[in-house]
Amino acid sequence: MFETLFSIVAPVLISAAIGYGWAYMGRPYNTEMVTHLVTAIGVPCLVFTTLVHAAIDLDALARMAGATFAAISVMGVIGYAILRFWGQSVRAFLPALVFPNTGNMGLPLALLAFGEEGMALAVAYFTVCIILQFTVGVAVSSGVTSPMALMRVPAIYAVILALLFKATATEVPLWAGNTIELLSGFTIPLMLITLGISLQQLKISALGKSLIMAMIRLLMGFAVSLALADMLGFEGAMKGVLIVQSSLPVAVFNYLFAARYNTDPEAVAGTVVLSTLMSFATLPFLMWFVL
């Protein structure tokens, strides 16, 4: 069991550590360019090739999407109540409590732990999370509702196109499939390296507050997803992916939105860093629980 856990967790930690070390040594790395490259090309290609080739039916993907929506909704209600009771800014911290790092960490973990089936289910979770983050999340952070923000997320179009191919049992042309699969290959390594670089560059501020927020994110995600998985009768990869994706640390995107809308970005950055560092310690236990 230890060897299995290590083979899942080690690639994620080592890849992130490479990014951290690269930034620590002062080596050049255009984070903005790489982020745009991954978001505009890598992730859509990865989403498309995963959904098209995965031996999983649309019903399973729909069930995971529904469970994801339910998990994020419940976490939103609980997070809102905690922040109001604590007297903290909902605009600053609710997105951080609700939206986990389902891309940089969730996708590689699902692939390594559950194979292609787990990857497809993780993509379903990731897609719903991205949709809600760029609509509800942006609305909470900015105070303005902007559904058009969703139109600027390339992964959404990849999902729609992949589902059309899958629903109609249409074969993807070989040249197109090979090209998309080739381009998808750089996505996960760059996401993990960029995560490590972000951890080195972000600074921890308001240590006490950030630490409590980080603990709430990890514990709330685990508790909510475990309860939902049992209620919905999920088993195997379905249960594992739901719990893993929900129990991950704060997504870096939450810091980017906090900085853009000036909603206490320093404290949010601290929450991102601390929750990620804490997750490196909890990941082996989390993976042991779901396997």
C-alpha atoms as a PDB file:
ATOM      1  CA  MET A   1       0.000   0.000   0.000  1.00  0.00           C
ATOM      2  CA  PHE A   2       2.834   2.414   0.842  1.00  0.00           C
ATOM      3  CA  GLU A   3       4.407   1.877  -2.567  1.00  0.00           C
ATOM      4  CA  THR A   4       1.055   2.555  -4.255  1.00  0.00           C
ATOM      5  CA  LEU A   5       0.485   5.744  -2.272  1.00  0.00           C
ATOM      6  CA  PHE A   6       4.025   6.950  -2.901  1.00  0.00           C
ATOM      7  CA  SER A   7       3.709   6.323  -6.644  1.00  0.00           C
ATOM      8  CA  ILE A   8       0.604   8.547  -6.694  1.00  0.00           C
ATOM      9  CA  VAL A   9       1.707  11.389  -4.429  1.00  0.00           C
ATOM     10  CA  ALA A  10       5.419  11.577  -5.311  1.00  0.00           C
ATOM     11  CA  PRO A  11       5.050  12.746  -8.950  1.00  0.00           C
ATOM     12  CA  VAL A  12       2.788  15.602  -7.834  1.00  0.00           C
ATOM     13  CA  LEU A  13       5.061  16.715  -5.000  1.00  0.00           C
ATOM     14  CA  ILE A  14       8.273  16.368  -7.023  1.00  0.00           C
ATOM     15  CA  SER A  15       6.870  18.321  -9.982  1.00  0.00           C
ATOM     16  CA  ALA A  16       5.704  21.136  -7.701  1.00  0.00           C
ATOM     17  CA  ALA A  17       9.058  21.063  -5.889  1.00  0.00           C
ATOM     18  CA  ILE A  18      10.877  21.498  -9.211  1.00  0.00           C
ATOM     19  CA  GLY A  19       8.834  24.633  -9.855  1.00  0.00           C
ATOM     20  CA  TYR A  20       9.513  25.931  -6.350  1.00  0.00           C
ATOM     21  CA  GLY A  21      13.238  25.306  -6.712  1.00  0.00           C
ATOM     22  CA  TRP A  22      13.312  26.942 -10.133  1.00  0.00           C
ATOM     23  CA  ALA A  23      11.771  30.130  -8.749  1.00  0.00           C
ATOM     24  CA  TYR A  24      13.906  29.998  -5.591  1.00  0.00           C
ATOM     25  CA  MET A  25      17.076  30.003  -7.714  1.00  0.00           C
ATOM     26  CA  GLY A  26      15.820  33.063  -9.571  1.00  0.00           C
ATOM     27  CA  ARG A  27      15.527  31.317 -12.914  1.00  0.00           C
ATOM     28  CA  PRO A  28      13.300  33.073 -15.493  1.00  0.00           C
ATOM     29  CA  TYR A  29       9.735  31.811 -15.800  1.00  0.00           C
ATOM     30  CA  ASN A  30       6.931  33.776 -17.412  1.00  0.00           C
ATOM     31  CA  THR A  31       4.068  32.652 -15.192  1.00  0.00           C
ATOM     32  CA  GLU A  32       1.502  34.792 -16.992  1.00  0.00           C
ATOM     33  CA  MET A  33       2.457  33.426 -20.412  1.00  0.00           C
ATOM     34  CA  VAL A  34       2.503  29.808 -19.225  1.00  0.00           C
ATOM     35  CA  THR A  35      -0.840  30.235 -17.465  1.00  0.00           C
ATOM     36  CA  HIS A  36      -2.423  31.603 -20.636  1.00  0.00           C
ATOM     37  CA  LEU A  37      -0.832  28.815 -22.693  1.00  0.00           C
ATOM     38  CA  VAL A  38      -2.161  26.117 -20.374  1.00  0.00           C
ATOM     39  CA  THR A  39      -5.598  27.716 -20.053  1.00  0.00           C
ATOM     40  CA  ALA A  40      -6.109  28.461 -23.748  1.00  0.00           C
ATOM     41  CA  ILE A  41      -4.507  25.379 -25.330  1.00  0.00           C
ATOM     42  CA  GLY A  42      -3.385  22.730 -22.858  1.00  0.00           C
ATOM     43  CA  VAL A  43      -6.490  22.357 -20.693  1.00  0.00           C
ATOM     44  CA  PRO A  44      -8.998  22.349 -23.599  1.00  0.00           C
ATOM     45  CA  CYS A  45      -6.931  19.687 -25.389  1.00  0.00           C
ATOM     46  CA  LEU A  46      -6.644  17.629 -22.202  1.00  0.00           C
ATOM     47  CA  VAL A  47     -10.372  17.919 -21.496  1.00  0.00           C
ATOM     48  CA  PHE A  48     -11.320  16.961 -25.053  1.00  0.00           C
ATOM     49  CA  THR A  49      -9.019  13.959 -25.403  1.00  0.00           C
ATOM     50  CA  THR A  50      -9.908  12.670 -21.925  1.00  0.00           C
ATOM     51  CA  LEU A  51     -13.670  12.830 -22.430  1.00  0.00           C
ATOM     52  CA  VAL A  52     -13.586  11.426 -25.965  1.00  0.00           C
ATOM     53  CA  HIS A  53     -11.334   8.465 -25.211  1.00  0.00           C
ATOM     54  CA  ALA A  54     -12.466   7.551 -21.693  1.00  0.00           C
ATOM     55  CA  ALA A  55     -14.421   4.305 -21.426  1.00  0.00           C
ATOM     56  CA  ILE A  56     -17.150   5.912 -19.342  1.00  0.00           C
ATOM     57  CA  ASP A  57     -20.750   6.714 -20.184  1.00  0.00           C
ATOM     58  CA  LEU A  58     -22.396  10.117 -20.170  1.00  0.00           C
ATOM     59  CA  ASP A  59     -24.613   9.140 -17.230  1.00  0.00           C
ATOM     60  CA  ALA A  60     -21.585   8.746 -14.955  1.00  0.00           C
ATOM     61  CA  LEU A  61     -20.216  12.114 -16.051  1.00  0.00           C
ATOM     62  CA  ALA A  62     -23.616  13.721 -15.439  1.00  0.00           C
ATOM     63  CA  ARG A  63     -23.816  12.195 -11.961  1.00  0.00           C
ATOM     64  CA  MET A  64     -20.370  13.529 -11.120  1.00  0.00           C
ATOM     65  CA  ALA A  65     -21.293  16.966 -12.464  1.00  0.00           C
ATOM     66  CA  GLY A  66     -24.438  16.993 -10.323  1.00  0.00           C
ATOM     67  CA  ALA A  67     -22.518  15.870  -7.241  1.00  0.00           C
ATOM     68  CA  THR A  68     -19.938  18.596  -7.873  1.00  0.00           C
ATOM     69  CA  PHE A  69     -22.623  21.266  -8.059  1.00  0.00           C
ATOM     70  CA  ALA A  70     -24.138  19.948  -4.830  1.00  0.00           C
ATOM     71  CA  ALA A  71     -20.763  19.848  -3.049  1.00  0.00           C
ATOM     72  CA  ILE A  72     -19.831  23.393  -4.036  1.00  0.00           C
ATOM     73  CA  SER A  73     -23.305  24.667  -3.122  1.00  0.00           C
ATOM     74  CA  VAL A  74     -23.181  23.080   0.339  1.00  0.00           C
ATOM     75  CA  MET A  75     -19.641  24.355   0.918  1.00  0.00           C
ATOM     76  CA  GLY A  76     -20.824  27.794  -0.161  1.00  0.00           C
ATOM     77  CA  VAL A  77     -23.627  27.823   2.404  1.00  0.00           C
ATOM     78  CA  ILE A  78     -21.378  26.543   5.198  1.00  0.00           C
ATOM     79  CA  GLY A  79     -18.555  28.899   4.238  1.00  0.00           C
ATOM     80  CA  TYR A  80     -20.908  31.884   4.147  1.00  0.00           C
ATOM     81  CA  ALA A  81     -22.249  31.047   7.610  1.00  0.00           C
ATOM     82  CA  ILE A  82     -18.736  30.652   9.047  1.00  0.00           C
ATOM     83  CA  LEU A  83     -17.522  33.947   7.595  1.00  0.00           C
ATOM     84  CA  ARG A  84     -20.547  35.910   8.789  1.00  0.00           C
ATOM     85  CA  PHE A  85     -20.280  34.414  12.282  1.00  0.00           C
ATOM     86  CA  TRP A  86     -16.515  35.112  12.340  1.00  0.00           C
ATOM     87  CA  GLY A  87     -16.960  38.639  10.983  1.00  0.00           C
ATOM     88  CA  GLN A  88     -14.713  38.084   7.952  1.00  0.00           C
ATOM     89  CA  SER A  89     -15.182  39.424   4.426  1.00  0.00           C
ATOM     90  CA  VAL A  90     -17.414  37.194   2.311  1.00  0.00           C
ATOM     91  CA  ARG A  91     -16.112  38.812  -0.890  1.00  0.00           C
ATOM     92  CA  ALA A  92     -12.512  38.047   0.032  1.00  0.00           C
ATOM     93  CA  PHE A  93     -12.714  34.583   1.531  1.00  0.00           C
ATOM     94  CA  LEU A  94     -15.836  32.746   0.364  1.00  0.00           C
ATOM     95  CA  PRO A  95     -14.346  31.815  -3.047  1.00  0.00           C
ATOM     96  CA  ALA A  96     -11.190  30.586  -1.287  1.00  0.00           C
ATOM     97  CA  LEU A  97     -13.229  28.321   0.988  1.00  0.00           C
ATOM     98  CA  VAL A  98     -15.411  26.983  -1.815  1.00  0.00           C
ATOM     99  CA  PHE A  99     -13.178  26.482  -4.875  1.00  0.00           C
ATOM    100  CA  PRO A 100     -10.372  23.905  -4.481  1.00  0.00           C
ATOM    101  CA  ASN A 101      -7.379  23.387  -6.737  1.00  0.00           C
ATOM    102  CA  THR A 102      -9.114  20.851  -8.981  1.00  0.00           C
ATOM    103  CA  GLY A 103      -6.854  21.533 -11.967  1.00  0.00           C
ATOM    104  CA  ASN A 104      -3.200  21.770 -10.922  1.00  0.00           C
ATOM    105  CA  MET A 105      -3.515  19.059  -8.268  1.00  0.00           C
ATOM    106  CA  GLY A 106      -6.830  17.307  -8.823  1.00  0.00           C
ATOM    107  CA  LEU A 107      -6.351  16.158 -12.412  1.00  0.00           C
ATOM    108  CA  PRO A 108      -2.932  14.500 -11.952  1.00  0.00           C
ATOM    109  CA  LEU A 109      -3.992  12.873  -8.676  1.00  0.00           C
ATOM    110  CA  ALA A 110      -7.135  11.427 -10.266  1.00  0.00           C
ATOM    111  CA  LEU A 111      -5.155  10.130 -13.237  1.00  0.00           C
ATOM    112  CA  LEU A 112      -2.469   8.505 -11.099  1.00  0.00           C
ATOM    113  CA  ALA A 113      -4.925   7.012  -8.594  1.00  0.00           C
ATOM    114  CA  PHE A 114      -7.862   5.949 -10.780  1.00  0.00           C
ATOM    115  CA  GLY A 115      -6.569   5.874 -14.345  1.00  0.00           C
ATOM    116  CA  GLU A 116      -8.505   7.123 -17.373  1.00  0.00           C
ATOM    117  CA  GLU A 117     -11.885   6.652 -15.676  1.00  0.00           C
ATOM    118  CA  GLY A 118     -10.797   8.779 -12.740  1.00  0.00           C
ATOM    119  CA  MET A 119      -9.353  11.386 -15.080  1.00  0.00           C
ATOM    120  CA  ALA A 120     -12.660  11.688 -16.958  1.00  0.00           C
ATOM    121  CA  LEU A 121     -14.593  12.053 -13.697  1.00  0.00           C
ATOM    122  CA  ALA A 122     -12.069  14.613 -12.441  1.00  0.00           C
ATOM    123  CA  VAL A 123     -12.507  16.583 -15.669  1.00  0.00           C
ATOM    124  CA  ALA A 124     -16.273  16.631 -15.043  1.00  0.00           C
ATOM    125  CA  TYR A 125     -15.672  18.003 -11.535  1.00  0.00           C
ATOM    126  CA  PHE A 126     -13.095  20.485 -12.832  1.00  0.00           C
ATOM    127  CA  THR A 127     -15.453  21.745 -15.549  1.00  0.00           C
ATOM    128  CA  VAL A 128     -18.344  22.420 -13.172  1.00  0.00           C
ATOM    129  CA  CYS A 129     -15.941  24.087 -10.752  1.00  0.00           C
ATOM    130  CA  ILE A 130     -14.554  26.350 -13.479  1.00  0.00           C
ATOM    131  CA  ILE A 131     -18.051  27.309 -14.645  1.00  0.00           C
ATOM    132  CA  LEU A 132     -19.080  28.280 -11.119  1.00  0.00           C
ATOM    133  CA  GLN A 133     -15.780  30.007 -10.368  1.00  0.00           C
ATOM    134  CA  PHE A 134     -15.963  32.234 -13.431  1.00  0.00           C
ATOM    135  CA  THR A 135     -19.613  33.131 -12.806  1.00  0.00           C
ATOM    136  CA  VAL A 136     -20.582  32.904  -9.130  1.00  0.00           C
ATOM    137  CA  GLY A 137     -16.992  33.247  -7.910  1.00  0.00           C
ATOM    138  CA  VAL A 138     -16.330  36.366  -9.970  1.00  0.00           C
ATOM    139  CA  ALA A 139     -19.688  37.807  -8.891  1.00  0.00           C
ATOM    140  CA  VAL A 140     -18.834  37.307  -5.206  1.00  0.00           C
ATOM    141  CA  SER A 141     -15.331  38.779  -5.557  1.00  0.00           C
ATOM    142  CA  SER A 142     -16.298  41.735  -7.736  1.00  0.00           C
ATOM    143  CA  GLY A 143     -19.837  42.354  -6.534  1.00  0.00           C
ATOM    144  CA  VAL A 144     -20.964  42.306 -10.182  1.00  0.00           C
ATOM    145  CA  THR A 145     -22.597  39.439 -12.066  1.00  0.00           C
ATOM    146  CA  SER A 146     -20.920  38.764 -15.417  1.00  0.00           C
ATOM    147  CA  PRO A 147     -22.174  35.623 -17.222  1.00  0.00           C
ATOM    148  CA  MET A 148     -20.146  36.680 -20.276  1.00  0.00           C
ATOM    149  CA  ALA A 149     -16.962  35.816 -18.337  1.00  0.00           C
ATOM    150  CA  LEU A 150     -17.835  32.181 -18.969  1.00  0.00           C
ATOM    151  CA  MET A 151     -17.575  32.740 -22.718  1.00  0.00           C
ATOM    152  CA  ARG A 152     -13.868  33.443 -22.275  1.00  0.00           C
ATOM    153  CA  VAL A 153     -13.132  29.990 -20.802  1.00  0.00           C
ATOM    154  CA  PRO A 154     -11.850  27.754 -23.648  1.00  0.00           C
ATOM    155  CA  ALA A 155     -12.339  24.538 -21.648  1.00  0.00           C
ATOM    156  CA  ILE A 156     -16.117  24.989 -21.851  1.00  0.00           C
ATOM    157  CA  TYR A 157     -16.039  24.715 -25.639  1.00  0.00           C
ATOM    158  CA  ALA A 158     -13.820  21.633 -25.395  1.00  0.00           C
ATOM    159  CA  VAL A 159     -16.375  19.958 -23.119  1.00  0.00           C
ATOM    160  CA  ILE A 160     -19.264  20.745 -25.455  1.00  0.00           C
ATOM    161  CA  LEU A 161     -17.368  19.481 -28.497  1.00  0.00           C
ATOM    162  CA  ALA A 162     -16.227  16.298 -26.733  1.00  0.00           C
ATOM    163  CA  LEU A 163     -19.742  15.508 -25.516  1.00  0.00           C
ATOM    164  CA  LEU A 164     -21.096  15.976 -29.045  1.00  0.00           C
ATOM    165  CA  PHE A 165     -18.569  13.493 -30.414  1.00  0.00           C
ATOM    166  CA  LYS A 166     -19.313  11.059 -27.594  1.00  0.00           C
ATOM    167  CA  ALA A 167     -23.109  11.364 -27.770  1.00  0.00           C
ATOM    168  CA  THR A 168     -23.192  10.857 -31.539  1.00  0.00           C
ATOM    169  CA  ALA A 169     -20.501   8.133 -31.499  1.00  0.00           C
ATOM    170  CA  THR A 170     -18.572  10.134 -34.097  1.00  0.00           C
ATOM    171  CA  GLU A 171     -14.932   9.224 -34.647  1.00  0.00           C
ATOM    172  CA  VAL A 172     -12.413  12.032 -34.253  1.00  0.00           C
ATOM    173  CA  PRO A 173     -10.213  12.242 -37.387  1.00  0.00           C
ATOM    174  CA  LEU A 174      -6.901  10.541 -36.667  1.00  0.00           C
ATOM    175  CA  TRP A 175      -4.800  13.603 -37.489  1.00  0.00           C
ATOM    176  CA  ALA A 176      -6.936  15.803 -35.226  1.00  0.00           C
ATOM    177  CA  GLY A 177      -6.982  13.301 -32.377  1.00  0.00           C
ATOM    178  CA  ASN A 178      -3.221  12.825 -32.487  1.00  0.00           C
ATOM    179  CA  THR A 179      -2.606  16.577 -32.565  1.00  0.00           C
ATOM    180  CA  ILE A 180      -4.934  17.257 -29.644  1.00  0.00           C
ATOM    181  CA  GLU A 181      -3.468  14.407 -27.603  1.00  0.00           C
ATOM    182  CA  LEU A 182       0.066  15.637 -28.302  1.00  0.00           C
ATOM    183  CA  LEU A 183      -0.783  19.167 -27.169  1.00  0.00           C
ATOM    184  CA  SER A 184      -2.554  17.879 -24.058  1.00  0.00           C
ATOM    185  CA  GLY A 185       0.680  16.262 -22.896  1.00  0.00           C
ATOM    186  CA  PHE A 186       2.300  19.468 -21.648  1.00  0.00           C
ATOM    187  CA  THR A 187      -0.673  20.494 -19.515  1.00  0.00           C
ATOM    188  CA  ILE A 188      -0.260  18.593 -16.256  1.00  0.00           C
ATOM    189  CA  PRO A 189       3.540  19.017 -15.921  1.00  0.00           C
ATOM    190  CA  LEU A 190       3.298  22.767 -16.550  1.00  0.00           C
ATOM    191  CA  MET A 191       0.360  23.100 -14.138  1.00  0.00           C
ATOM    192  CA  LEU A 192       2.323  21.429 -11.349  1.00  0.00           C
ATOM    193  CA  ILE A 193       5.537  23.351 -12.048  1.00  0.00           C
ATOM    194  CA  THR A 194       3.578  26.618 -12.123  1.00  0.00           C
ATOM    195  CA  LEU A 195       1.930  25.670  -8.828  1.00  0.00           C
ATOM    196  CA  GLY A 196       5.370  25.270  -7.247  1.00  0.00           C
ATOM    197  CA  ILE A 197       6.532  28.594  -8.654  1.00  0.00           C
ATOM    198  CA  SER A 198       3.392  30.307  -7.335  1.00  0.00           C
ATOM    199  CA  LEU A 199       4.034  28.896  -3.857  1.00  0.00           C
ATOM    200  CA  GLN A 200       7.521  30.416  -3.878  1.00  0.00           C
ATOM    201  CA  GLN A 201       6.322  33.801  -5.110  1.00  0.00           C
ATOM    202  CA  LEU A 202       3.227  34.233  -2.932  1.00  0.00           C
ATOM    203  CA  LYS A 203       3.856  35.599   0.543  1.00  0.00           C
ATOM    204  CA  ILE A 204       2.063  34.578   3.730  1.00  0.00           C
ATOM    205  CA  SER A 205       0.232  37.443   5.401  1.00  0.00           C
ATOM    206  CA  ALA A 206      -2.098  37.420   8.428  1.00  0.00           C
ATOM    207  CA  LEU A 207      -0.730  34.042   9.522  1.00  0.00           C
ATOM    208  CA  GLY A 208      -3.402  33.201  12.090  1.00  0.00           C
ATOM    209  CA  LYS A 209      -6.324  34.033   9.834  1.00  0.00           C
ATOM    210  CA  SER A 210      -4.783  32.324   6.816  1.00  0.00           C
ATOM    211  CA  LEU A 211      -4.064  29.179   8.828  1.00  0.00           C
ATOM    212  CA  ILE A 212      -7.653  28.919  10.073  1.00  0.00           C
ATOM    213  CA  MET A 213      -9.015  29.512   6.563  1.00  0.00           C
ATOM    214  CA  ALA A 214      -6.728  26.806   5.199  1.00  0.00           C
ATOM    215  CA  MET A 215      -7.893  24.310   7.813  1.00  0.00           C
ATOM    216  CA  ILE A 216     -11.545  25.107   7.118  1.00  0.00           C
ATOM    217  CA  ARG A 217     -11.019  24.587   3.368  1.00  0.00           C
ATOM    218  CA  LEU A 218      -9.470  21.150   3.775  1.00  0.00           C
ATOM    219  CA  LEU A 219     -11.726  19.837   6.546  1.00  0.00           C
ATOM    220  CA  MET A 220     -14.970  21.210   5.117  1.00  0.00           C
ATOM    221  CA  GLY A 221     -14.249  19.816   1.671  1.00  0.00           C
ATOM    222  CA  PHE A 222     -13.550  16.357   3.056  1.00  0.00           C
ATOM    223  CA  ALA A 223     -16.597  16.274   5.348  1.00  0.00           C
ATOM    224  CA  VAL A 224     -19.056  17.558   2.741  1.00  0.00           C
ATOM    225  CA  SER A 225     -17.832  15.269  -0.038  1.00  0.00           C
ATOM    226  CA  LEU A 226     -17.771  12.194   2.205  1.00  0.00           C
ATOM    227  CA  ALA A 227     -21.356  12.833   3.297  1.00  0.00           C
ATOM    228  CA  LEU A 228     -22.495  13.438  -0.292  1.00  0.00           C
ATOM    229  CA  ALA A 229     -20.726  10.338  -1.606  1.00  0.00           C
ATOM    230  CA  ASP A 230     -22.508   8.189   0.977  1.00  0.00           C
ATOM    231  CA  MET A 231     -25.875   9.866   0.340  1.00  0.00           C
ATOM    232  CA  LEU A 232     -25.577   9.376  -3.428  1.00  0.00           C
ATOM    233  CA  GLY A 233     -24.317   5.821  -3.131  1.00  0.00           C
ATOM    234  CA  PHE A 234     -21.040   6.544  -4.914  1.00  0.00           C
ATOM    235  CA  GLU A 235     -18.419   3.807  -4.914  1.00  0.00           C
ATOM    236  CA  GLY A 236     -14.987   3.193  -6.397  1.00  0.00           C
ATOM    237  CA  ALA A 237     -13.595   5.911  -8.634  1.00  0.00           C
ATOM    238  CA  MET A 238     -16.771   8.016  -8.387  1.00  0.00           C
ATOM    239  CA  LYS A 239     -16.485   8.242  -4.610  1.00  0.00           C
ATOM    240  CA  GLY A 240     -12.713   8.644  -4.651  1.00  0.00           C
ATOM    241  CA  VAL A 241     -12.637  11.452  -7.203  1.00  0.00           C
ATOM    242  CA  LEU A 242     -15.457  13.368  -5.498  1.00  0.00           C
ATOM    243  CA  ILE A 243     -13.667  13.234  -2.140  1.00  0.00           C
ATOM    244  CA  VAL A 244     -10.195  13.999  -3.501  1.00  0.00           C
ATOM    245  CA  GLN A 245     -11.287  16.927  -5.663  1.00  0.00           C
ATOM    246  CA  SER A 246     -13.359  18.439  -2.849  1.00  0.00           C
ATOM    247  CA  SER A 247     -10.595  18.060  -0.247  1.00  0.00           C
ATOM    248  CA  LEU A 248      -7.833  19.874  -2.126  1.00  0.00           C
ATOM    249  CA  PRO A 249      -6.287  23.230  -1.116  1.00  0.00           C
ATOM    250  CA  VAL A 250      -7.343  26.693  -2.226  1.00  0.00           C
ATOM    251  CA  ALA A 251      -7.032  27.261  -5.976  1.00  0.00           C
ATOM    252  CA  VAL A 252      -4.468  29.857  -7.078  1.00  0.00           C
ATOM    253  CA  PHE A 253      -7.184  31.483  -9.202  1.00  0.00           C
ATOM    254  CA  ASN A 254      -8.781  32.713  -5.963  1.00  0.00           C
ATOM    255  CA  TYR A 255      -5.699  34.824  -5.286  1.00  0.00           C
ATOM    256  CA  LEU A 256      -5.734  36.197  -8.839  1.00  0.00           C
ATOM    257  CA  PHE A 257      -9.361  37.280  -8.455  1.00  0.00           C
ATOM    258  CA  ALA A 258      -8.668  38.745  -4.995  1.00  0.00           C
ATOM    259  CA  ALA A 259      -5.774  40.766  -6.428  1.00  0.00           C
ATOM    260  CA  ARG A 260      -7.839  41.912  -9.399  1.00  0.00           C
ATOM    261  CA  TYR A 261     -10.761  43.108  -7.269  1.00  0.00           C
ATOM    262  CA  ASN A 262      -8.630  44.167  -4.262  1.00  0.00           C
ATOM    263  CA  THR A 263     -10.366  41.908  -1.739  1.00  0.00           C
ATOM    264  CA  ASP A 264      -7.588  41.336   0.816  1.00  0.00           C
ATOM    265  CA  PRO A 265      -5.241  39.601  -1.665  1.00  0.00           C
ATOM    266  CA  GLU A 266      -2.407  39.257   0.884  1.00  0.00           C
ATOM    267  CA  ALA A 267      -4.527  37.173   3.258  1.00  0.00           C
ATOM    268  CA  VAL A 268      -5.938  35.110   0.386  1.00  0.00           C
ATOM    269  CA  ALA A 269      -2.382  34.451  -0.838  1.00  0.00           C
ATOM    270  CA  GLY A 270      -1.494  33.202   2.632  1.00  0.00           C
ATOM    271  CA  THR A 271      -4.492  30.883   2.550  1.00  0.00           C
ATOM    272  CA  VAL A 272      -3.392  29.485  -0.824  1.00  0.00           C
ATOM    273  CA  VAL A 273       0.154  28.823   0.383  1.00  0.00           C
ATOM    274  CA  LEU A 274      -0.738  27.365   3.783  1.00  0.00           C
ATOM    275  CA  SER A 275      -3.570  25.160   2.518  1.00  0.00           C
ATOM    276  CA  THR A 276      -1.277  23.792  -0.201  1.00  0.00           C
ATOM    277  CA  LEU A 277       1.565  23.102   2.228  1.00  0.00           C
ATOM    278  CA  MET A 278      -0.878  21.435   4.620  1.00  0.00           C
ATOM    279  CA  SER A 279      -2.283  19.331   1.794  1.00  0.00           C
ATOM    280  CA  PHE A 280       1.194  17.975   1.032  1.00  0.00           C
ATOM    281  CA  ALA A 281       1.087  16.466   4.535  1.00  0.00           C
ATOM    282  CA  THR A 282      -2.521  15.243   4.305  1.00  0.00           C
ATOM    283  CA  LEU A 283      -2.395  13.861   0.740  1.00  0.00           C
ATOM    284  CA  PRO A 284      -0.975  10.437   1.682  1.00  0.00           C
ATOM    285  CA  PHE A 285      -3.751   9.942   4.250  1.00  0.00           C
ATOM    286  CA  LEU A 286      -6.394  11.223   1.833  1.00  0.00           C
ATOM    287  CA  MET A 287      -5.263   8.872  -0.920  1.00  0.00           C
ATOM    288  CA  TRP A 288      -5.059   5.977   1.544  1.00  0.00           C
ATOM    289  CA  PHE A 289      -8.658   6.686   2.557  1.00  0.00           C
ATOM    290  CA  VAL A 290     -10.071   6.644  -0.984  1.00  0.00           C
ATOM    291  CA  LEU A 291      -8.085   3.698  -2.369  1.00  0.00           C
END
